[in-house]
Amino acid sequence: ARPPRAVPPFAMPPRSPAIPSPRPPAARRRPPPWPPRHAAITGGSSGIGLAMARALAAEGAALTLFARDADRLMAAREILLAETPDLAVAILAVDVTDPVAVAAGLARAEAAQGPVDFAVACAGAVRAARVEDLPPSAYADLMAVNFFGALNLARPALAAMREAGEDGAAGPRGGRILLVGSAAGLMGLPGYAAYAPAKFALRGLAESLRWEAAQDGVGIHIAHPPDTETPMLAAERRDRPPELAALAGTAGAWSAESVAAALLRGVARGRFDIPVGLTAWAMLRLAPAVRPLVDAVLDRVAARARR
């Protein structure tokens, strides 16, 4: 038999047929029924997190809300109980950048109200400015909250959802984990040099978790909401560079309630990527294919804003 032909160093290998994008194995377990029994939400004292809590309360779910500010958590609890008087809701003042505190809080939540079958990483922070106008600490702070804060919830939540089900049921109990990213995690924009990379990293985390959780009945979801009318956005608007203000103005802002409804609908339907609105959908599905055209349009908008 003829020996195989040696491939010289640095030579390109023979062209192979196109390989489709990898997907989780088809033989994965299904998550438990929707709606959830017990939802744990970081960033649950305001904005999208509180809006999701209100919607889930209406569905009969027990709630545990995590946030740093105890006073705002108390106010959120009062809002929820006023709307749903018989609601089972607990609040925990926790800094999501502390992995030990988040894991301990999740364990307390499960001990008090039963297994968490829906974990929502919604705590976030943003600073908008040109790259040289932000101190190095700003980049570390936004990564700590937006990426590590989500990871600090997802790790113990996934571990708990992999545990055996109640009453000795075979296999893991399953659940769902939602990471609330941003449309800014799909395309970098001027003024978001500290914010966008953390949201890009969050999508990479979601893709990795999706594979790891596929066999355990745990659904992984990553949301891409647009600008949303929240206290965080109100504060950010004051600091936006002109280019970012002009680009963001082309899409408009959504209400927290509308975003929450879209996110929960996507989770209920088993969507991995959950873009909210036409702009986010186009950034996710179309922009990669027509990036030169998208860049040309955005360049013109940004140039007009600089004048």
C-alpha atoms as a PDB file:
ATOM      1  CA  ALA A   1       0.000   0.000   0.000  1.00  0.00           C
ATOM      2  CA  ARG A   2       1.168   3.497  -0.796  1.00  0.00           C
ATOM      3  CA  PRO A   3       2.207   5.415   2.378  1.00  0.00           C
ATOM      4  CA  PRO A   4       0.202   8.556   3.106  1.00  0.00           C
ATOM      5  CA  ARG A   5       1.556  11.756   1.608  1.00  0.00           C
ATOM      6  CA  ALA A   6       3.243  13.923   4.215  1.00  0.00           C
ATOM      7  CA  VAL A   7       1.749  17.367   4.736  1.00  0.00           C
ATOM      8  CA  PRO A   8       4.502  20.006   4.808  1.00  0.00           C
ATOM      9  CA  PRO A   9       4.664  22.306   7.837  1.00  0.00           C
ATOM     10  CA  PHE A  10       2.110  25.164   7.796  1.00  0.00           C
ATOM     11  CA  ALA A  11       0.373  23.744   4.716  1.00  0.00           C
ATOM     12  CA  MET A  12      -3.406  24.174   4.617  1.00  0.00           C
ATOM     13  CA  PRO A  13      -5.286  20.902   5.186  1.00  0.00           C
ATOM     14  CA  PRO A  14      -7.597  19.635   2.447  1.00  0.00           C
ATOM     15  CA  ARG A  15     -10.925  21.478   2.312  1.00  0.00           C
ATOM     16  CA  SER A  16     -13.674  19.595   4.127  1.00  0.00           C
ATOM     17  CA  PRO A  17     -17.433  19.938   3.765  1.00  0.00           C
ATOM     18  CA  ALA A  18     -19.066  22.729   5.727  1.00  0.00           C
ATOM     19  CA  ILE A  19     -19.837  21.719   9.303  1.00  0.00           C
ATOM     20  CA  PRO A  20     -23.137  22.963  10.709  1.00  0.00           C
ATOM     21  CA  SER A  21     -23.179  24.952  13.937  1.00  0.00           C
ATOM     22  CA  PRO A  22     -23.114  22.574  16.920  1.00  0.00           C
ATOM     23  CA  ARG A  23     -26.341  22.036  18.833  1.00  0.00           C
ATOM     24  CA  PRO A  24     -26.960  20.305  22.128  1.00  0.00           C
ATOM     25  CA  PRO A  25     -27.708  16.595  21.801  1.00  0.00           C
ATOM     26  CA  ALA A  26     -31.261  15.760  20.802  1.00  0.00           C
ATOM     27  CA  ALA A  27     -31.551  13.174  23.596  1.00  0.00           C
ATOM     28  CA  ARG A  28     -31.590  15.760  26.348  1.00  0.00           C
ATOM     29  CA  ARG A  29     -34.086  15.802  29.202  1.00  0.00           C
ATOM     30  CA  ARG A  30     -36.918  18.303  29.138  1.00  0.00           C
ATOM     31  CA  PRO A  31     -37.105  21.009  31.818  1.00  0.00           C
ATOM     32  CA  PRO A  32     -39.967  20.759  34.321  1.00  0.00           C
ATOM     33  CA  PRO A  33     -43.388  22.178  33.433  1.00  0.00           C
ATOM     34  CA  TRP A  34     -43.964  25.914  33.074  1.00  0.00           C
ATOM     35  CA  PRO A  35     -44.737  28.145  34.959  1.00  0.00           C
ATOM     36  CA  PRO A  36     -42.116  27.616  37.649  1.00  0.00           C
ATOM     37  CA  ARG A  37     -42.885  26.845  41.253  1.00  0.00           C
ATOM     38  CA  HIS A  38     -40.080  28.943  42.761  1.00  0.00           C
ATOM     39  CA  ALA A  39     -38.142  31.679  40.967  1.00  0.00           C
ATOM     40  CA  ALA A  40     -34.972  33.300  42.310  1.00  0.00           C
ATOM     41  CA  ILE A  41     -34.202  36.671  40.714  1.00  0.00           C
ATOM     42  CA  THR A  42     -31.084  38.785  41.193  1.00  0.00           C
ATOM     43  CA  GLY A  43     -31.661  42.462  40.540  1.00  0.00           C
ATOM     44  CA  GLY A  44     -35.245  41.810  41.617  1.00  0.00           C
ATOM     45  CA  SER A  45     -35.879  45.089  43.436  1.00  0.00           C
ATOM     46  CA  SER A  46     -36.484  47.233  40.342  1.00  0.00           C
ATOM     47  CA  GLY A  47     -36.569  47.391  36.567  1.00  0.00           C
ATOM     48  CA  ILE A  48     -36.812  44.226  34.496  1.00  0.00           C
ATOM     49  CA  GLY A  49     -36.203  42.000  37.524  1.00  0.00           C
ATOM     50  CA  LEU A  50     -39.153  43.410  39.442  1.00  0.00           C
ATOM     51  CA  ALA A  51     -41.341  43.350  36.334  1.00  0.00           C
ATOM     52  CA  MET A  52     -40.592  39.646  35.879  1.00  0.00           C
ATOM     53  CA  ALA A  53     -41.332  39.037  39.553  1.00  0.00           C
ATOM     54  CA  ARG A  54     -44.746  40.682  39.190  1.00  0.00           C
ATOM     55  CA  ALA A  55     -45.564  38.591  36.125  1.00  0.00           C
ATOM     56  CA  LEU A  56     -44.436  35.361  37.790  1.00  0.00           C
ATOM     57  CA  ALA A  57     -46.398  36.170  40.938  1.00  0.00           C
ATOM     58  CA  ALA A  58     -49.520  36.406  38.798  1.00  0.00           C
ATOM     59  CA  GLU A  59     -48.719  32.889  37.553  1.00  0.00           C
ATOM     60  CA  GLY A  60     -48.590  31.552  41.116  1.00  0.00           C
ATOM     61  CA  ALA A  61     -44.826  31.160  41.513  1.00  0.00           C
ATOM     62  CA  ALA A  62     -43.102  31.618  44.865  1.00  0.00           C
ATOM     63  CA  LEU A  63     -40.357  34.250  44.679  1.00  0.00           C
ATOM     64  CA  THR A  64     -36.993  35.015  46.208  1.00  0.00           C
ATOM     65  CA  LEU A  65     -35.571  38.408  45.276  1.00  0.00           C
ATOM     66  CA  PHE A  66     -31.887  39.284  45.585  1.00  0.00           C
ATOM     67  CA  ALA A  67     -30.499  42.835  45.509  1.00  0.00           C
ATOM     68  CA  ARG A  68     -27.976  44.950  47.382  1.00  0.00           C
ATOM     69  CA  ASP A  69     -30.332  47.606  48.743  1.00  0.00           C
ATOM     70  CA  ALA A  70     -32.486  46.281  51.601  1.00  0.00           C
ATOM     71  CA  ASP A  71     -34.827  49.287  51.502  1.00  0.00           C
ATOM     72  CA  ARG A  72     -35.570  48.842  47.808  1.00  0.00           C
ATOM     73  CA  LEU A  73     -36.131  45.138  48.381  1.00  0.00           C
ATOM     74  CA  MET A  74     -38.683  45.945  51.071  1.00  0.00           C
ATOM     75  CA  ALA A  75     -40.442  48.344  48.725  1.00  0.00           C
ATOM     76  CA  ALA A  76     -40.502  45.715  45.976  1.00  0.00           C
ATOM     77  CA  ARG A  77     -41.959  43.167  48.391  1.00  0.00           C
ATOM     78  CA  GLU A  78     -44.724  45.579  49.345  1.00  0.00           C
ATOM     79  CA  ILE A  79     -45.589  46.139  45.673  1.00  0.00           C
ATOM     80  CA  LEU A  80     -45.792  42.401  45.059  1.00  0.00           C
ATOM     81  CA  LEU A  81     -47.910  41.700  48.136  1.00  0.00           C
ATOM     82  CA  ALA A  82     -50.269  44.553  47.285  1.00  0.00           C
ATOM     83  CA  GLU A  83     -50.891  42.934  43.896  1.00  0.00           C
ATOM     84  CA  THR A  84     -50.874  39.314  45.116  1.00  0.00           C
ATOM     85  CA  PRO A  85     -51.697  39.212  48.855  1.00  0.00           C
ATOM     86  CA  ASP A  86     -51.186  35.461  49.254  1.00  0.00           C
ATOM     87  CA  LEU A  87     -47.808  35.493  47.480  1.00  0.00           C
ATOM     88  CA  ALA A  88     -44.895  33.587  49.032  1.00  0.00           C
ATOM     89  CA  VAL A  89     -42.039  36.068  48.592  1.00  0.00           C
ATOM     90  CA  ALA A  90     -38.686  36.295  50.367  1.00  0.00           C
ATOM     91  CA  ILE A  91     -36.053  39.011  50.008  1.00  0.00           C
ATOM     92  CA  LEU A  92     -32.297  38.731  50.524  1.00  0.00           C
ATOM     93  CA  ALA A  93     -29.875  41.672  50.579  1.00  0.00           C
ATOM     94  CA  VAL A  94     -26.900  40.202  48.718  1.00  0.00           C
ATOM     95  CA  ASP A  95     -24.047  41.566  46.621  1.00  0.00           C
ATOM     96  CA  VAL A  96     -23.997  39.440  43.456  1.00  0.00           C
ATOM     97  CA  THR A  97     -20.251  39.926  43.095  1.00  0.00           C
ATOM     98  CA  ASP A  98     -19.764  37.776  46.220  1.00  0.00           C
ATOM     99  CA  PRO A  99     -20.018  34.127  45.095  1.00  0.00           C
ATOM    100  CA  VAL A 100     -20.160  32.754  48.637  1.00  0.00           C
ATOM    101  CA  ALA A 101     -23.006  35.086  49.620  1.00  0.00           C
ATOM    102  CA  VAL A 102     -25.010  34.302  46.478  1.00  0.00           C
ATOM    103  CA  ALA A 103     -24.622  30.530  46.913  1.00  0.00           C
ATOM    104  CA  ALA A 104     -25.586  30.788  50.581  1.00  0.00           C
ATOM    105  CA  GLY A 105     -28.587  32.933  49.671  1.00  0.00           C
ATOM    106  CA  LEU A 106     -29.772  30.405  47.116  1.00  0.00           C
ATOM    107  CA  ALA A 107     -29.454  27.609  49.679  1.00  0.00           C
ATOM    108  CA  ARG A 108     -31.499  29.660  52.163  1.00  0.00           C
ATOM    109  CA  ALA A 109     -34.135  30.293  49.511  1.00  0.00           C
ATOM    110  CA  GLU A 110     -34.496  26.581  48.796  1.00  0.00           C
ATOM    111  CA  ALA A 111     -34.620  25.702  52.486  1.00  0.00           C
ATOM    112  CA  ALA A 112     -37.405  28.227  53.043  1.00  0.00           C
ATOM    113  CA  GLN A 113     -39.558  27.805  49.914  1.00  0.00           C
ATOM    114  CA  GLY A 114     -38.476  24.609  48.187  1.00  0.00           C
ATOM    115  CA  PRO A 115     -36.334  23.932  45.129  1.00  0.00           C
ATOM    116  CA  VAL A 116     -35.655  26.832  42.785  1.00  0.00           C
ATOM    117  CA  ASP A 117     -36.676  25.750  39.301  1.00  0.00           C
ATOM    118  CA  PHE A 118     -36.166  29.150  37.630  1.00  0.00           C
ATOM    119  CA  ALA A 119     -33.056  31.242  38.312  1.00  0.00           C
ATOM    120  CA  VAL A 120     -32.848  34.686  36.714  1.00  0.00           C
ATOM    121  CA  ALA A 121     -29.572  36.622  36.624  1.00  0.00           C
ATOM    122  CA  CYS A 122     -30.876  40.142  36.092  1.00  0.00           C
ATOM    123  CA  ALA A 123     -28.589  42.274  38.257  1.00  0.00           C
ATOM    124  CA  GLY A 124     -26.656  44.690  36.086  1.00  0.00           C
ATOM    125  CA  ALA A 125     -24.628  47.885  35.982  1.00  0.00           C
ATOM    126  CA  VAL A 126     -23.631  50.266  33.209  1.00  0.00           C
ATOM    127  CA  ARG A 127     -21.306  53.189  32.653  1.00  0.00           C
ATOM    128  CA  ALA A 128     -21.310  54.968  29.312  1.00  0.00           C
ATOM    129  CA  ALA A 129     -18.281  57.029  28.335  1.00  0.00           C
ATOM    130  CA  ARG A 130     -15.425  57.111  25.883  1.00  0.00           C
ATOM    131  CA  VAL A 131     -12.761  54.534  26.617  1.00  0.00           C
ATOM    132  CA  GLU A 132     -10.178  57.015  27.914  1.00  0.00           C
ATOM    133  CA  ASP A 133     -12.702  58.769  30.166  1.00  0.00           C
ATOM    134  CA  LEU A 134     -13.290  55.720  32.371  1.00  0.00           C
ATOM    135  CA  PRO A 135     -10.824  54.623  35.067  1.00  0.00           C
ATOM    136  CA  PRO A 136      -9.528  51.044  34.936  1.00  0.00           C
ATOM    137  CA  SER A 137     -11.681  50.211  37.947  1.00  0.00           C
ATOM    138  CA  ALA A 138     -14.835  50.868  35.916  1.00  0.00           C
ATOM    139  CA  TYR A 139     -14.008  48.017  33.552  1.00  0.00           C
ATOM    140  CA  ALA A 140     -13.408  45.637  36.448  1.00  0.00           C
ATOM    141  CA  ASP A 141     -16.582  46.775  38.227  1.00  0.00           C
ATOM    142  CA  LEU A 142     -18.842  46.193  35.221  1.00  0.00           C
ATOM    143  CA  MET A 143     -17.339  42.785  34.552  1.00  0.00           C
ATOM    144  CA  ALA A 144     -17.792  41.893  38.232  1.00  0.00           C
ATOM    145  CA  VAL A 145     -21.514  42.724  38.207  1.00  0.00           C
ATOM    146  CA  ASN A 146     -22.613  41.881  34.670  1.00  0.00           C
ATOM    147  CA  PHE A 147     -20.574  38.726  34.068  1.00  0.00           C
ATOM    148  CA  PHE A 148     -19.395  37.336  37.393  1.00  0.00           C
ATOM    149  CA  GLY A 149     -22.635  38.358  39.080  1.00  0.00           C
ATOM    150  CA  ALA A 150     -24.541  36.163  36.626  1.00  0.00           C
ATOM    151  CA  LEU A 151     -22.013  33.342  36.940  1.00  0.00           C
ATOM    152  CA  ASN A 152     -22.273  33.479  40.725  1.00  0.00           C
ATOM    153  CA  LEU A 153     -25.979  32.664  40.481  1.00  0.00           C
ATOM    154  CA  ALA A 154     -25.790  30.234  37.566  1.00  0.00           C
ATOM    155  CA  ARG A 155     -23.148  27.950  39.140  1.00  0.00           C
ATOM    156  CA  PRO A 156     -25.000  27.024  42.339  1.00  0.00           C
ATOM    157  CA  ALA A 157     -28.373  27.078  40.576  1.00  0.00           C
ATOM    158  CA  LEU A 158     -27.203  24.581  37.955  1.00  0.00           C
ATOM    159  CA  ALA A 159     -25.633  22.373  40.621  1.00  0.00           C
ATOM    160  CA  ALA A 160     -28.906  22.351  42.575  1.00  0.00           C
ATOM    161  CA  MET A 161     -30.990  21.619  39.479  1.00  0.00           C
ATOM    162  CA  ARG A 162     -28.764  18.623  38.737  1.00  0.00           C
ATOM    163  CA  GLU A 163     -29.645  17.041  42.077  1.00  0.00           C
ATOM    164  CA  ALA A 164     -32.102  14.173  42.294  1.00  0.00           C
ATOM    165  CA  GLY A 165     -35.764  15.066  42.070  1.00  0.00           C
ATOM    166  CA  GLU A 166     -38.209  14.970  44.956  1.00  0.00           C
ATOM    167  CA  ASP A 167     -39.613  11.698  46.285  1.00  0.00           C
ATOM    168  CA  GLY A 168     -36.675   9.753  44.906  1.00  0.00           C
ATOM    169  CA  ALA A 169     -37.565  10.464  41.266  1.00  0.00           C
ATOM    170  CA  ALA A 170     -34.989   9.181  38.812  1.00  0.00           C
ATOM    171  CA  GLY A 171     -32.622  11.711  37.285  1.00  0.00           C
ATOM    172  CA  PRO A 172     -31.977  15.384  38.043  1.00  0.00           C
ATOM    173  CA  ARG A 173     -34.868  17.626  38.983  1.00  0.00           C
ATOM    174  CA  GLY A 174     -34.112  20.129  36.197  1.00  0.00           C
ATOM    175  CA  GLY A 175     -35.097  23.756  35.855  1.00  0.00           C
ATOM    176  CA  ARG A 176     -34.368  26.878  33.852  1.00  0.00           C
ATOM    177  CA  ILE A 177     -31.667  29.552  34.045  1.00  0.00           C
ATOM    178  CA  LEU A 178     -32.109  32.917  32.335  1.00  0.00           C
ATOM    179  CA  LEU A 179     -29.139  35.235  31.858  1.00  0.00           C
ATOM    180  CA  VAL A 180     -30.293  38.755  31.070  1.00  0.00           C
ATOM    181  CA  GLY A 181     -27.769  40.176  28.637  1.00  0.00           C
ATOM    182  CA  SER A 182     -28.252  43.130  26.326  1.00  0.00           C
ATOM    183  CA  ALA A 183     -28.497  44.060  22.683  1.00  0.00           C
ATOM    184  CA  ALA A 184     -25.129  45.711  23.407  1.00  0.00           C
ATOM    185  CA  GLY A 185     -23.778  42.184  23.828  1.00  0.00           C
ATOM    186  CA  LEU A 186     -24.423  41.555  20.135  1.00  0.00           C
ATOM    187  CA  MET A 187     -22.584  44.565  18.689  1.00  0.00           C
ATOM    188  CA  GLY A 188     -20.052  46.946  20.190  1.00  0.00           C
ATOM    189  CA  LEU A 189     -21.064  50.597  20.201  1.00  0.00           C
ATOM    190  CA  PRO A 190     -19.151  53.807  20.985  1.00  0.00           C
ATOM    191  CA  GLY A 191     -19.360  54.606  24.674  1.00  0.00           C
ATOM    192  CA  TYR A 192     -19.843  50.981  25.712  1.00  0.00           C
ATOM    193  CA  ALA A 193     -16.189  49.901  25.923  1.00  0.00           C
ATOM    194  CA  ALA A 194     -16.711  48.855  29.543  1.00  0.00           C
ATOM    195  CA  TYR A 195     -20.298  47.593  29.274  1.00  0.00           C
ATOM    196  CA  ALA A 196     -20.456  45.685  25.987  1.00  0.00           C
ATOM    197  CA  PRO A 197     -17.540  43.283  26.635  1.00  0.00           C
ATOM    198  CA  ALA A 198     -19.179  42.042  29.839  1.00  0.00           C
ATOM    199  CA  LYS A 199     -22.405  41.337  27.952  1.00  0.00           C
ATOM    200  CA  PHE A 200     -20.492  39.631  25.133  1.00  0.00           C
ATOM    201  CA  ALA A 201     -18.890  37.397  27.766  1.00  0.00           C
ATOM    202  CA  LEU A 202     -22.312  36.568  29.167  1.00  0.00           C
ATOM    203  CA  ARG A 203     -23.413  35.090  25.847  1.00  0.00           C
ATOM    204  CA  GLY A 204     -20.304  32.916  25.749  1.00  0.00           C
ATOM    205  CA  LEU A 205     -21.166  31.681  29.223  1.00  0.00           C
ATOM    206  CA  ALA A 206     -24.715  30.873  28.131  1.00  0.00           C
ATOM    207  CA  GLU A 207     -23.497  28.872  25.135  1.00  0.00           C
ATOM    208  CA  SER A 208     -21.150  26.830  27.319  1.00  0.00           C
ATOM    209  CA  LEU A 209     -23.808  26.197  29.964  1.00  0.00           C
ATOM    210  CA  ARG A 210     -26.295  25.165  27.288  1.00  0.00           C
ATOM    211  CA  TRP A 211     -24.085  22.251  26.331  1.00  0.00           C
ATOM    212  CA  GLU A 212     -23.289  21.255  29.896  1.00  0.00           C
ATOM    213  CA  ALA A 213     -26.919  21.331  31.025  1.00  0.00           C
ATOM    214  CA  ALA A 214     -28.434  19.606  27.986  1.00  0.00           C
ATOM    215  CA  GLN A 215     -28.610  16.152  29.589  1.00  0.00           C
ATOM    216  CA  ASP A 216     -29.900  17.359  32.952  1.00  0.00           C
ATOM    217  CA  GLY A 217     -33.262  18.860  32.108  1.00  0.00           C
ATOM    218  CA  VAL A 218     -31.984  22.404  32.641  1.00  0.00           C
ATOM    219  CA  GLY A 219     -32.936  24.964  30.011  1.00  0.00           C
ATOM    220  CA  ILE A 220     -30.403  27.757  29.468  1.00  0.00           C
ATOM    221  CA  HIS A 221     -31.569  31.079  28.017  1.00  0.00           C
ATOM    222  CA  ILE A 222     -29.811  34.338  27.136  1.00  0.00           C
ATOM    223  CA  ALA A 223     -31.889  37.491  26.655  1.00  0.00           C
ATOM    224  CA  HIS A 224     -30.950  40.494  24.516  1.00  0.00           C
ATOM    225  CA  PRO A 225     -33.203  43.371  25.601  1.00  0.00           C
ATOM    226  CA  PRO A 226     -32.918  46.855  24.081  1.00  0.00           C
ATOM    227  CA  ASP A 227     -32.894  50.099  26.058  1.00  0.00           C
ATOM    228  CA  THR A 228     -35.466  49.648  28.813  1.00  0.00           C
ATOM    229  CA  GLU A 229     -37.074  52.380  30.882  1.00  0.00           C
ATOM    230  CA  THR A 230     -35.493  51.624  34.251  1.00  0.00           C
ATOM    231  CA  PRO A 231     -33.698  53.691  36.913  1.00  0.00           C
ATOM    232  CA  MET A 232     -30.396  52.426  35.484  1.00  0.00           C
ATOM    233  CA  LEU A 233     -31.179  53.753  32.002  1.00  0.00           C
ATOM    234  CA  ALA A 234     -32.298  57.115  33.379  1.00  0.00           C
ATOM    235  CA  ALA A 235     -28.924  57.532  35.093  1.00  0.00           C
ATOM    236  CA  GLU A 236     -26.969  56.314  32.066  1.00  0.00           C
ATOM    237  CA  ARG A 237     -28.577  58.722  29.607  1.00  0.00           C
ATOM    238  CA  ARG A 238     -26.941  61.683  31.333  1.00  0.00           C
ATOM    239  CA  ASP A 239     -23.456  60.317  30.577  1.00  0.00           C
ATOM    240  CA  ARG A 240     -23.829  58.979  27.052  1.00  0.00           C
ATOM    241  CA  PRO A 241     -21.416  60.351  24.428  1.00  0.00           C
ATOM    242  CA  PRO A 242     -23.229  62.016  21.490  1.00  0.00           C
ATOM    243  CA  GLU A 243     -22.560  59.080  19.149  1.00  0.00           C
ATOM    244  CA  LEU A 244     -24.103  56.565  21.532  1.00  0.00           C
ATOM    245  CA  ALA A 245     -27.087  58.807  22.224  1.00  0.00           C
ATOM    246  CA  ALA A 246     -27.745  59.118  18.490  1.00  0.00           C
ATOM    247  CA  LEU A 247     -27.376  55.403  17.797  1.00  0.00           C
ATOM    248  CA  ALA A 248     -29.552  54.389  20.755  1.00  0.00           C
ATOM    249  CA  GLY A 249     -32.171  56.912  19.745  1.00  0.00           C
ATOM    250  CA  THR A 250     -32.790  55.086  16.475  1.00  0.00           C
ATOM    251  CA  ALA A 251     -34.276  52.095  18.344  1.00  0.00           C
ATOM    252  CA  GLY A 252     -36.240  53.714  21.160  1.00  0.00           C
ATOM    253  CA  ALA A 253     -36.796  52.294  24.645  1.00  0.00           C
ATOM    254  CA  TRP A 254     -39.176  49.619  25.904  1.00  0.00           C
ATOM    255  CA  SER A 255     -41.073  49.472  29.165  1.00  0.00           C
ATOM    256  CA  ALA A 256     -39.787  47.042  31.783  1.00  0.00           C
ATOM    257  CA  GLU A 257     -43.148  45.252  31.728  1.00  0.00           C
ATOM    258  CA  SER A 258     -42.997  44.684  27.959  1.00  0.00           C
ATOM    259  CA  VAL A 259     -39.436  43.379  28.162  1.00  0.00           C
ATOM    260  CA  ALA A 260     -40.313  41.071  31.064  1.00  0.00           C
ATOM    261  CA  ALA A 261     -43.269  39.650  29.144  1.00  0.00           C
ATOM    262  CA  ALA A 262     -41.089  38.995  26.085  1.00  0.00           C
ATOM    263  CA  LEU A 263     -38.394  37.302  28.183  1.00  0.00           C
ATOM    264  CA  LEU A 264     -40.813  35.018  30.005  1.00  0.00           C
ATOM    265  CA  ARG A 265     -42.551  34.150  26.746  1.00  0.00           C
ATOM    266  CA  GLY A 266     -39.216  33.176  25.207  1.00  0.00           C
ATOM    267  CA  VAL A 267     -38.287  31.027  28.200  1.00  0.00           C
ATOM    268  CA  ALA A 268     -41.683  29.299  28.173  1.00  0.00           C
ATOM    269  CA  ARG A 269     -41.178  28.470  24.490  1.00  0.00           C
ATOM    270  CA  GLY A 270     -37.721  27.041  25.126  1.00  0.00           C
ATOM    271  CA  ARG A 271     -35.804  29.689  23.175  1.00  0.00           C
ATOM    272  CA  PHE A 272     -32.068  29.876  23.812  1.00  0.00           C
ATOM    273  CA  ASP A 273     -31.556  33.343  22.319  1.00  0.00           C
ATOM    274  CA  ILE A 274     -34.324  35.762  23.261  1.00  0.00           C
ATOM    275  CA  PRO A 275     -33.944  39.038  21.336  1.00  0.00           C
ATOM    276  CA  VAL A 276     -36.483  41.683  22.344  1.00  0.00           C
ATOM    277  CA  GLY A 277     -37.788  43.847  19.533  1.00  0.00           C
ATOM    278  CA  LEU A 278     -36.989  44.070  15.851  1.00  0.00           C
ATOM    279  CA  THR A 279     -33.669  45.872  16.315  1.00  0.00           C
ATOM    280  CA  ALA A 280     -32.267  43.247  18.681  1.00  0.00           C
ATOM    281  CA  TRP A 281     -33.580  40.470  16.426  1.00  0.00           C
ATOM    282  CA  ALA A 282     -31.853  42.036  13.407  1.00  0.00           C
ATOM    283  CA  MET A 283     -28.604  42.480  15.358  1.00  0.00           C
ATOM    284  CA  LEU A 284     -28.700  38.803  16.314  1.00  0.00           C
ATOM    285  CA  ARG A 285     -29.903  37.230  13.070  1.00  0.00           C
ATOM    286  CA  LEU A 286     -29.090  39.601  10.203  1.00  0.00           C
ATOM    287  CA  ALA A 287     -26.231  41.911  11.200  1.00  0.00           C
ATOM    288  CA  PRO A 288     -23.503  39.227  11.036  1.00  0.00           C
ATOM    289  CA  ALA A 289     -24.420  38.518   7.415  1.00  0.00           C
ATOM    290  CA  VAL A 290     -24.518  42.150   6.288  1.00  0.00           C
ATOM    291  CA  ARG A 291     -22.035  43.691   8.725  1.00  0.00           C
ATOM    292  CA  PRO A 292     -20.376  46.068   6.200  1.00  0.00           C
ATOM    293  CA  LEU A 293     -23.763  47.611   5.398  1.00  0.00           C
ATOM    294  CA  VAL A 294     -24.695  47.868   9.080  1.00  0.00           C
ATOM    295  CA  ASP A 295     -21.358  49.502   9.901  1.00  0.00           C
ATOM    296  CA  ALA A 296     -21.786  52.011   7.073  1.00  0.00           C
ATOM    297  CA  VAL A 297     -25.204  53.066   8.334  1.00  0.00           C
ATOM    298  CA  LEU A 298     -24.064  53.352  11.944  1.00  0.00           C
ATOM    299  CA  ASP A 299     -20.946  55.278  10.900  1.00  0.00           C
ATOM    300  CA  ARG A 300     -23.138  57.922   9.226  1.00  0.00           C
ATOM    301  CA  VAL A 301     -25.383  58.222  12.290  1.00  0.00           C
ATOM    302  CA  ALA A 302     -22.369  58.585  14.584  1.00  0.00           C
ATOM    303  CA  ALA A 303     -20.672  61.105  12.273  1.00  0.00           C
ATOM    304  CA  ARG A 304     -23.746  63.354  12.262  1.00  0.00           C
ATOM    305  CA  ALA A 305     -23.836  63.217  16.072  1.00  0.00           C
ATOM    306  CA  ARG A 306     -20.224  64.427  16.313  1.00  0.00           C
ATOM    307  CA  ARG A 307     -20.871  67.607  14.309  1.00  0.00           C
END
